[in-house]
Amino acid sequence: DQQPKEKADRLMQQAMEEMNRQNYDEAERLLVESIEIHSVTNNEAKLAENYSALSSAQLLSGKLSPALETLISLRSIYQHGADRNAELQTMLHMGKI
């Protein structure tokens, strides 16, 4: 069995490979699984990284509503971490959608 951090990192790496292959649905599945692990371990930096990648995969596959929901989740992570600049950038990205 892998440790949660290693498993989540492996899932993220696989998701990036799937995005490079333009297999966005599989990338989305892998990222959601990685997000679930990071949620349990409370790793906000990795959560933010995964949510950002997830929104990209959703946008590239034409899933605008899910991408917007993902960005809302990402914004709340930045709010919790008091990263005002990242929060504003996320809000601007939401406005573009």
Protein backbone atom coordinates (compact mmCIF):
# COMPACT_ATOMS: atom_id res chain seq x y z
CA ASP A 1 0.00 0.00 0.00
CA GLN A 2 1.19 3.49 -0.81
CA GLN A 3 1.11 6.38 1.60
CA PRO A 4 -1.68 8.86 0.81
CA LYS A 5 0.73 11.61 -0.29
CA GLU A 6 2.58 9.33 -2.70
CA LYS A 7 -0.66 7.93 -4.08
CA ALA A 8 -2.11 11.41 -4.61
CA ASP A 9 1.10 12.59 -6.29
CA ARG A 10 1.06 9.55 -8.58
CA LEU A 11 -2.58 10.25 -9.48
CA MET A 12 -1.74 13.87 -10.27
CA GLN A 13 1.16 12.78 -12.49
CA GLN A 14 -1.07 10.30 -14.33
CA ALA A 15 -3.73 13.00 -14.75
CA MET A 16 -1.20 15.35 -16.34
CA GLU A 17 -0.17 12.58 -18.73
CA GLU A 18 -3.83 12.04 -19.66
CA MET A 19 -4.28 15.78 -20.25
CA ASN A 20 -1.25 15.73 -22.57
CA ARG A 21 -2.99 12.93 -24.48
CA GLN A 22 -6.18 15.04 -24.52
CA ASN A 23 -8.00 12.36 -22.54
CA TYR A 24 -9.73 14.91 -20.31
CA ASP A 25 -12.37 12.60 -18.84
CA GLU A 26 -9.72 10.23 -17.47
CA ALA A 27 -7.64 13.18 -16.24
CA GLU A 28 -10.73 14.48 -14.45
CA ARG A 29 -11.35 11.12 -12.79
CA LEU A 30 -7.75 10.89 -11.57
CA LEU A 31 -7.76 14.45 -10.29
CA VAL A 32 -10.99 13.94 -8.36
CA GLU A 33 -9.46 10.90 -6.69
CA SER A 34 -6.33 12.89 -5.82
CA ILE A 35 -8.45 15.74 -4.44
CA GLU A 36 -10.29 13.31 -2.19
CA ILE A 37 -6.97 12.15 -0.72
CA HIS A 38 -5.67 15.68 -0.19
CA SER A 39 -8.97 16.67 1.43
CA VAL A 40 -8.50 13.96 4.03
CA THR A 41 -4.86 14.92 4.66
CA ASN A 42 -5.70 18.67 4.70
CA ASN A 43 -2.96 19.55 2.22
CA GLU A 44 -4.30 22.89 0.97
CA ALA A 45 -1.38 23.61 -1.36
CA LYS A 46 -1.86 20.31 -3.19
CA LEU A 47 -5.63 20.76 -3.13
CA ALA A 48 -5.27 24.10 -4.86
CA GLU A 49 -2.91 22.62 -7.45
CA ASN A 50 -5.32 19.74 -8.13
CA TYR A 51 -8.42 21.96 -8.30
CA SER A 52 -6.64 24.23 -10.77
CA ALA A 53 -5.70 21.28 -12.98
CA LEU A 54 -9.23 19.88 -12.66
CA SER A 55 -10.81 23.14 -13.81
CA SER A 56 -8.45 23.13 -16.82
CA ALA A 57 -9.42 19.56 -17.73
CA GLN A 58 -13.11 20.43 -17.39
CA LEU A 59 -12.75 23.55 -19.52
CA LEU A 60 -10.83 21.71 -22.22
CA SER A 61 -13.55 19.06 -22.38
CA GLY A 62 -16.29 21.71 -22.61
CA LYS A 63 -17.73 21.18 -19.13
CA LEU A 64 -18.25 24.82 -18.22
CA SER A 65 -20.57 24.41 -15.24
CA PRO A 66 -18.38 21.83 -13.48
CA ALA A 67 -15.32 23.98 -14.21
CA LEU A 68 -17.02 26.94 -12.58
CA GLU A 69 -17.92 24.84 -9.52
CA THR A 70 -14.31 23.68 -9.31
CA LEU A 71 -13.08 27.27 -9.42
CA ILE A 72 -15.51 28.20 -6.64
CA SER A 73 -13.94 25.45 -4.53
CA LEU A 74 -10.48 26.69 -5.46
CA ARG A 75 -11.43 30.22 -4.46
CA SER A 76 -12.55 29.03 -1.02
CA ILE A 77 -9.16 27.33 -0.52
CA TYR A 78 -7.42 30.61 -1.30
CA GLN A 79 -9.80 32.48 1.01
CA HIS A 80 -9.05 30.07 3.83
CA GLY A 81 -5.32 30.44 3.22
CA ALA A 82 -5.62 34.24 3.05
CA ASP A 83 -4.03 34.33 -0.42
CA ARG A 84 -5.88 37.37 -1.70
CA ASN A 85 -3.96 37.60 -4.99
CA ALA A 86 -4.68 33.97 -5.93
CA GLU A 87 -8.31 34.45 -4.88
CA LEU A 88 -8.65 37.48 -7.16
CA GLN A 89 -7.00 35.64 -10.06
CA THR A 90 -9.46 32.79 -9.58
CA MET A 91 -12.37 35.21 -9.56
CA LEU A 92 -11.13 36.75 -12.82
CA HIS A 93 -10.89 33.28 -14.34
CA MET A 94 -14.45 32.57 -13.18
CA GLY A 95 -15.61 35.78 -14.85
CA LYS A 96 -14.06 34.68 -18.15
CA ILE A 97 -16.08 31.47 -18.12
